[in-house]
Amino acid sequence: MKEQHRPIKNLIIDMDGVLWRGDTPMPGLADFFATLRQLRISFILATNNATLTPDQYVHKLARFGVQLSAGRILNSAEATAAHLAQHYPPGTPILAIGEDGLRQALANHGFTVVHRLSALAATVANGQPQAVVAGLDRHFCYDDLAAAALLVAGGAPFFGTNPDPSLPTEQGLLPGAGAILAAITATTGVRPTIIGKPGRGLYDEALRRLGGVPTDTAAVGDRLDTDIAGGLAAGLRTILLLSGVSRREEIATASVQPDWVFDHLAAFTAALKAGLP
């Protein structure tokens, strides 16, 4: 345990594998958020998943009976676009392999979003894409891989929203953003710069939004290698839920150790009600 901790006042909560699997909410989801309100625990939902926009996450939660504002949502697409905005001017063409969340985040930061080889000719007036950004894209195809490979091999910087190799769903673990990044790396030999977890960037931005400090904030997630590792890198206490990717038998030999482990969201909610410090 870390030193000089205060009672938990803030939570930075992962979504996939913690709050839902695919389009199925975890049991006790509404009770969890009601408990946070009752205990006056503030929170940000911070996810590596870059496929949805904050507004789309708000609508998804509303379908599950949870009403939140878009300001409560932070994803790796937003963090990636913000990072690129520090290095490239507005209007810069960026080849984006991803879904609505990534494309909108890049557009909101003023970038020209380019798709696939067929779109490269349309950017001649502004120059070819200056960078390649990839996240999870469930419509990923050979042309995406070819476009990314040509640009990265030609020297364009290569960024990944997150390294998650898999995504927990109702059917089981499906390919995640890391699988797409691996395909580009296999073709070019170039590894991407990762912006999302396990880097601490998402957690630092979440702390800023919460107005919290590491000593009164905990990170909640289902992956030892990203959620827990990233939370520890940011100096937070960490809470692992076994409802997503990581399994209990992995904990003993893991290089990172969570402060608390719960089987699922309902068990975590019960611990909060009982006075988890």
Protein backbone atom coordinates (compact mmCIF):
# COMPACT_ATOMS: atom_id res chain seq x y z
CA MET A 1 0.00 0.00 0.00
CA LYS A 2 1.14 3.51 -0.69
CA GLU A 3 1.80 6.01 2.08
CA GLN A 4 -0.30 8.89 3.37
CA HIS A 5 -3.47 8.05 1.51
CA ARG A 6 -6.70 9.87 2.17
CA PRO A 7 -10.15 8.28 1.88
CA ILE A 8 -11.11 7.71 -1.75
CA LYS A 9 -12.88 10.79 -3.08
CA ASN A 10 -12.38 10.18 -6.80
CA LEU A 11 -12.43 7.19 -9.13
CA ILE A 12 -11.02 6.90 -12.64
CA ILE A 13 -13.02 4.03 -14.11
CA ASP A 14 -12.41 1.90 -17.18
CA MET A 15 -15.51 0.85 -19.15
CA ASP A 16 -15.09 -2.27 -21.34
CA GLY A 17 -14.93 -5.29 -19.05
CA VAL A 18 -15.79 -3.18 -16.00
CA LEU A 19 -19.15 -1.54 -16.75
CA TRP A 20 -20.19 -3.76 -19.65
CA ARG A 21 -19.22 -6.46 -22.10
CA GLY A 22 -20.05 -5.39 -25.64
CA ASP A 23 -23.65 -4.19 -25.43
CA THR A 24 -24.48 -6.03 -22.20
CA PRO A 25 -24.27 -4.03 -18.96
CA MET A 26 -22.66 -5.64 -15.94
CA PRO A 27 -25.11 -6.66 -13.21
CA GLY A 28 -25.55 -3.85 -10.70
CA LEU A 29 -24.45 -1.07 -13.07
CA ALA A 30 -27.15 1.42 -12.06
CA ASP A 31 -26.64 0.64 -8.37
CA PHE A 32 -22.92 1.32 -8.73
CA PHE A 33 -23.48 4.85 -10.02
CA ALA A 34 -26.21 5.47 -7.46
CA THR A 35 -23.73 4.43 -4.76
CA LEU A 36 -21.10 6.86 -6.07
CA ARG A 37 -23.65 9.66 -5.86
CA GLN A 38 -24.72 8.67 -2.36
CA LEU A 39 -21.12 8.53 -1.14
CA ARG A 40 -20.22 11.74 -3.02
CA ILE A 41 -17.41 10.03 -4.90
CA SER A 42 -16.59 11.92 -8.06
CA PHE A 43 -15.49 10.02 -11.15
CA ILE A 44 -14.28 10.09 -14.73
CA LEU A 45 -14.82 7.18 -17.12
CA ALA A 46 -11.44 6.82 -18.83
CA THR A 47 -11.10 4.19 -21.52
CA ASN A 48 -8.49 3.03 -24.00
CA ASN A 49 -11.31 2.26 -26.41
CA ALA A 50 -11.24 4.96 -29.10
CA THR A 51 -14.15 3.72 -31.21
CA LEU A 52 -16.95 5.86 -29.75
CA THR A 53 -17.26 9.58 -29.18
CA PRO A 54 -18.06 10.88 -25.67
CA ASP A 55 -21.63 11.60 -26.81
CA GLN A 56 -22.00 8.04 -28.10
CA TYR A 57 -20.83 6.72 -24.73
CA VAL A 58 -23.41 8.96 -23.03
CA HIS A 59 -26.14 7.42 -25.21
CA LYS A 60 -24.88 3.91 -24.50
CA LEU A 61 -24.97 4.52 -20.76
CA ALA A 62 -28.46 6.01 -21.07
CA ARG A 63 -29.64 2.75 -22.67
CA PHE A 64 -28.35 1.03 -19.54
CA GLY A 65 -30.28 3.42 -17.27
CA VAL A 66 -27.34 5.67 -16.34
CA GLN A 67 -27.50 9.41 -17.05
CA LEU A 68 -24.13 11.16 -17.39
CA SER A 69 -22.72 14.19 -19.18
CA ALA A 70 -20.10 13.92 -21.93
CA GLY A 71 -17.65 15.70 -19.64
CA ARG A 72 -17.46 12.51 -17.56
CA ILE A 73 -16.03 10.58 -20.52
CA LEU A 74 -12.35 10.54 -21.48
CA ASN A 75 -11.05 8.18 -24.16
CA SER A 76 -7.70 7.53 -25.78
CA ALA A 77 -8.87 9.16 -29.02
CA GLU A 78 -9.18 12.52 -27.28
CA ALA A 79 -5.81 12.07 -25.59
CA THR A 80 -4.20 11.11 -28.91
CA ALA A 81 -5.66 14.09 -30.79
CA ALA A 82 -4.56 16.44 -28.01
CA HIS A 83 -1.04 15.00 -28.17
CA LEU A 84 -0.86 15.45 -31.95
CA ALA A 85 -2.12 19.04 -31.62
CA GLN A 86 1.03 19.81 -29.65
CA HIS A 87 3.18 18.74 -32.60
CA TYR A 88 1.21 19.47 -35.79
CA PRO A 89 -0.69 22.61 -36.88
CA PRO A 90 -4.42 22.63 -37.69
CA GLY A 91 -5.17 21.38 -41.18
CA THR A 92 -2.39 18.78 -41.15
CA PRO A 93 -3.52 15.64 -43.03
CA ILE A 94 -3.52 12.60 -40.74
CA LEU A 95 -4.17 9.05 -41.92
CA ALA A 96 -6.63 7.68 -39.35
CA ILE A 97 -7.39 3.99 -38.92
CA GLY A 98 -10.24 3.96 -36.46
CA GLU A 99 -13.93 4.55 -35.90
CA ASP A 100 -16.08 7.57 -35.02
CA GLY A 101 -14.32 8.32 -31.75
CA LEU A 102 -10.89 8.74 -33.32
CA ARG A 103 -12.05 10.51 -36.47
CA GLN A 104 -14.15 13.03 -34.58
CA ALA A 105 -11.43 13.73 -32.01
CA LEU A 106 -8.93 14.47 -34.79
CA ALA A 107 -11.43 16.64 -36.66
CA ASN A 108 -12.29 18.54 -33.46
CA HIS A 109 -8.61 19.44 -33.14
CA GLY A 110 -8.58 20.82 -36.68
CA PHE A 111 -6.82 18.00 -38.51
CA THR A 112 -7.69 16.84 -42.02
CA VAL A 113 -8.70 13.20 -41.57
CA VAL A 114 -7.58 10.94 -44.43
CA HIS A 115 -8.85 7.41 -45.16
CA ARG A 116 -7.13 4.62 -47.08
CA LEU A 117 -5.12 4.72 -50.28
CA SER A 118 -8.04 5.97 -52.39
CA ALA A 119 -8.17 9.13 -50.27
CA LEU A 120 -4.48 9.96 -50.60
CA ALA A 121 -4.89 11.67 -53.97
CA ALA A 122 -7.43 14.07 -52.48
CA THR A 123 -4.79 15.45 -50.13
CA VAL A 124 -2.22 16.41 -52.76
CA ALA A 125 -3.03 20.10 -52.39
CA ASN A 126 -2.30 19.94 -48.69
CA GLY A 127 0.51 17.39 -48.91
CA GLN A 128 0.39 13.72 -48.05
CA PRO A 129 -0.58 12.66 -44.52
CA GLN A 130 2.09 13.73 -42.07
CA ALA A 131 1.34 11.00 -39.54
CA VAL A 132 -0.48 7.69 -39.17
CA VAL A 133 -2.80 7.15 -36.19
CA ALA A 134 -4.38 3.76 -35.55
CA GLY A 135 -6.86 2.42 -33.03
CA LEU A 136 -9.51 -0.26 -33.03
CA ASP A 137 -11.38 -0.34 -36.35
CA ARG A 138 -13.86 -3.14 -36.86
CA HIS A 139 -13.90 -2.36 -40.60
CA PHE A 140 -10.11 -2.61 -40.92
CA CYS A 141 -9.14 -3.94 -44.34
CA TYR A 142 -6.16 -4.57 -46.57
CA ASP A 143 -6.30 -1.05 -48.04
CA ASP A 144 -6.00 0.41 -44.53
CA LEU A 145 -2.95 -1.73 -43.86
CA ALA A 146 -1.44 -0.88 -47.24
CA ALA A 147 -1.93 2.88 -46.78
CA ALA A 148 -0.47 2.83 -43.28
CA ALA A 149 2.46 0.66 -44.34
CA LEU A 150 3.39 2.88 -47.28
CA LEU A 151 3.33 6.04 -45.17
CA VAL A 152 5.11 4.59 -42.14
CA ALA A 153 7.78 2.96 -44.31
CA GLY A 154 8.20 6.35 -45.98
CA GLY A 155 8.96 8.00 -42.66
CA ALA A 156 5.58 9.21 -41.40
CA PRO A 157 5.38 9.03 -37.58
CA PHE A 158 3.19 6.17 -36.34
CA PHE A 159 0.90 6.62 -33.32
CA GLY A 160 -1.40 4.14 -31.57
CA THR A 161 -4.36 5.13 -29.41
CA ASN A 162 -3.74 2.12 -27.16
CA PRO A 163 -1.98 -1.26 -27.15
CA ASP A 164 -4.89 -3.47 -25.97
CA PRO A 165 -4.55 -6.70 -27.98
CA SER A 166 -8.12 -7.76 -27.17
CA LEU A 167 -11.58 -6.41 -26.37
CA PRO A 168 -13.93 -8.18 -23.93
CA THR A 169 -17.37 -8.88 -25.45
CA GLU A 170 -20.31 -11.16 -24.79
CA GLN A 171 -18.77 -13.70 -27.18
CA GLY A 172 -15.34 -13.58 -25.52
CA LEU A 173 -12.14 -11.71 -26.28
CA LEU A 174 -12.09 -10.19 -29.77
CA PRO A 175 -9.17 -8.42 -31.51
CA GLY A 176 -8.41 -4.98 -30.11
CA ALA A 177 -6.40 -1.99 -31.27
CA GLY A 178 -3.14 -3.78 -30.45
CA ALA A 179 -3.89 -6.40 -33.09
CA ILE A 180 -4.16 -3.70 -35.76
CA LEU A 181 -0.98 -1.98 -34.54
CA ALA A 182 0.80 -5.34 -34.69
CA ALA A 183 -0.18 -5.80 -38.34
CA ILE A 184 1.31 -2.43 -39.28
CA THR A 185 4.44 -3.16 -37.24
CA ALA A 186 4.78 -6.60 -38.85
CA THR A 187 4.69 -4.97 -42.28
CA THR A 188 7.04 -2.07 -41.57
CA GLY A 189 9.15 -3.08 -38.58
CA VAL A 190 8.15 0.22 -36.92
CA ARG A 191 6.53 0.25 -33.49
CA PRO A 192 3.98 2.97 -32.71
CA THR A 193 4.15 5.66 -30.07
CA ILE A 194 1.34 4.70 -27.66
CA ILE A 195 -0.74 7.51 -26.16
CA GLY A 196 -3.30 5.63 -24.02
CA LYS A 197 -2.81 3.32 -21.04
CA PRO A 198 -0.44 2.08 -19.67
CA GLY A 199 0.97 5.55 -20.22
CA ARG A 200 -0.14 7.94 -17.49
CA GLY A 201 -1.54 10.57 -19.87
CA LEU A 202 -5.20 9.52 -19.55
CA TYR A 203 -4.92 9.40 -15.77
CA ASP A 204 -3.22 12.80 -15.56
CA GLU A 205 -5.96 14.37 -17.68
CA ALA A 206 -8.65 12.64 -15.60
CA LEU A 207 -7.09 13.98 -12.40
CA ARG A 208 -7.07 17.47 -13.90
CA ARG A 209 -10.77 17.20 -14.75
CA LEU A 210 -11.60 15.85 -11.30
CA GLY A 211 -9.53 18.43 -9.46
CA GLY A 212 -8.15 15.50 -7.51
CA VAL A 213 -4.74 14.34 -6.38
CA PRO A 214 -3.25 10.84 -6.47
CA THR A 215 -3.61 10.37 -2.72
CA ASP A 216 -7.42 10.60 -2.82
CA THR A 217 -8.00 8.91 -6.19
CA ALA A 218 -8.12 5.27 -7.33
CA ALA A 219 -8.07 3.70 -10.78
CA VAL A 220 -10.54 0.91 -11.58
CA GLY A 221 -9.98 -1.49 -14.45
CA ASP A 222 -10.00 -5.07 -15.70
CA ARG A 223 -6.48 -5.27 -17.21
CA LEU A 224 -3.28 -5.59 -15.23
CA ASP A 225 -1.11 -4.54 -18.16
CA THR A 226 -2.90 -1.28 -18.98
CA ASP A 227 -5.41 -0.14 -16.33
CA ILE A 228 -3.43 -1.19 -13.27
CA ALA A 229 0.00 -0.43 -14.72
CA GLY A 230 -1.16 3.00 -15.88
CA GLY A 231 -2.79 3.80 -12.55
CA LEU A 232 0.36 2.86 -10.68
CA ALA A 233 2.46 4.98 -13.06
CA ALA A 234 0.25 7.94 -12.15
CA GLY A 235 0.70 7.28 -8.42
CA LEU A 236 -2.87 6.09 -7.83
CA ARG A 237 -4.26 3.26 -5.77
CA THR A 238 -5.64 0.61 -8.10
CA ILE A 239 -8.66 -1.67 -8.12
CA LEU A 240 -8.81 -4.71 -10.39
CA LEU A 241 -12.17 -6.23 -11.36
CA LEU A 242 -12.01 -9.80 -12.66
CA SER A 243 -14.98 -9.33 -14.99
CA GLY A 244 -12.95 -8.54 -18.11
CA VAL A 245 -9.53 -9.63 -19.33
CA SER A 246 -7.17 -10.35 -16.41
CA ARG A 247 -7.68 -13.48 -14.35
CA ARG A 248 -7.04 -14.07 -10.64
CA GLU A 249 -4.29 -16.61 -11.32
CA GLU A 250 -2.28 -13.95 -13.20
CA ILE A 251 -1.98 -11.65 -10.20
CA ALA A 252 0.64 -13.59 -8.25
CA THR A 253 3.19 -13.42 -11.05
CA ALA A 254 2.26 -10.01 -12.45
CA SER A 255 4.85 -7.22 -12.46
CA VAL A 256 2.18 -4.82 -11.17
CA GLN A 257 0.00 -5.47 -8.15
CA PRO A 258 -3.43 -3.90 -7.55
CA ASP A 259 -4.36 -2.64 -4.10
CA TRP A 260 -7.76 -4.36 -4.22
CA VAL A 261 -9.25 -7.17 -6.31
CA PHE A 262 -12.97 -7.85 -6.75
CA ASP A 263 -14.74 -10.47 -8.80
CA HIS A 264 -17.13 -8.02 -10.42
CA LEU A 265 -18.77 -4.59 -10.23
CA ALA A 266 -21.42 -5.62 -7.71
CA ALA A 267 -18.75 -6.85 -5.28
CA PHE A 268 -16.87 -3.56 -5.64
CA THR A 269 -20.09 -1.63 -5.00
CA ALA A 270 -20.70 -3.66 -1.83
CA ALA A 271 -17.17 -2.85 -0.62
CA LEU A 272 -17.76 0.87 -1.20
CA LYS A 273 -20.98 0.70 0.79
CA ALA A 274 -19.11 -1.07 3.59
CA GLY A 275 -16.55 1.73 3.78
CA LEU A 276 -13.65 0.82 1.50
CA PRO A 277 -10.90 3.23 2.62
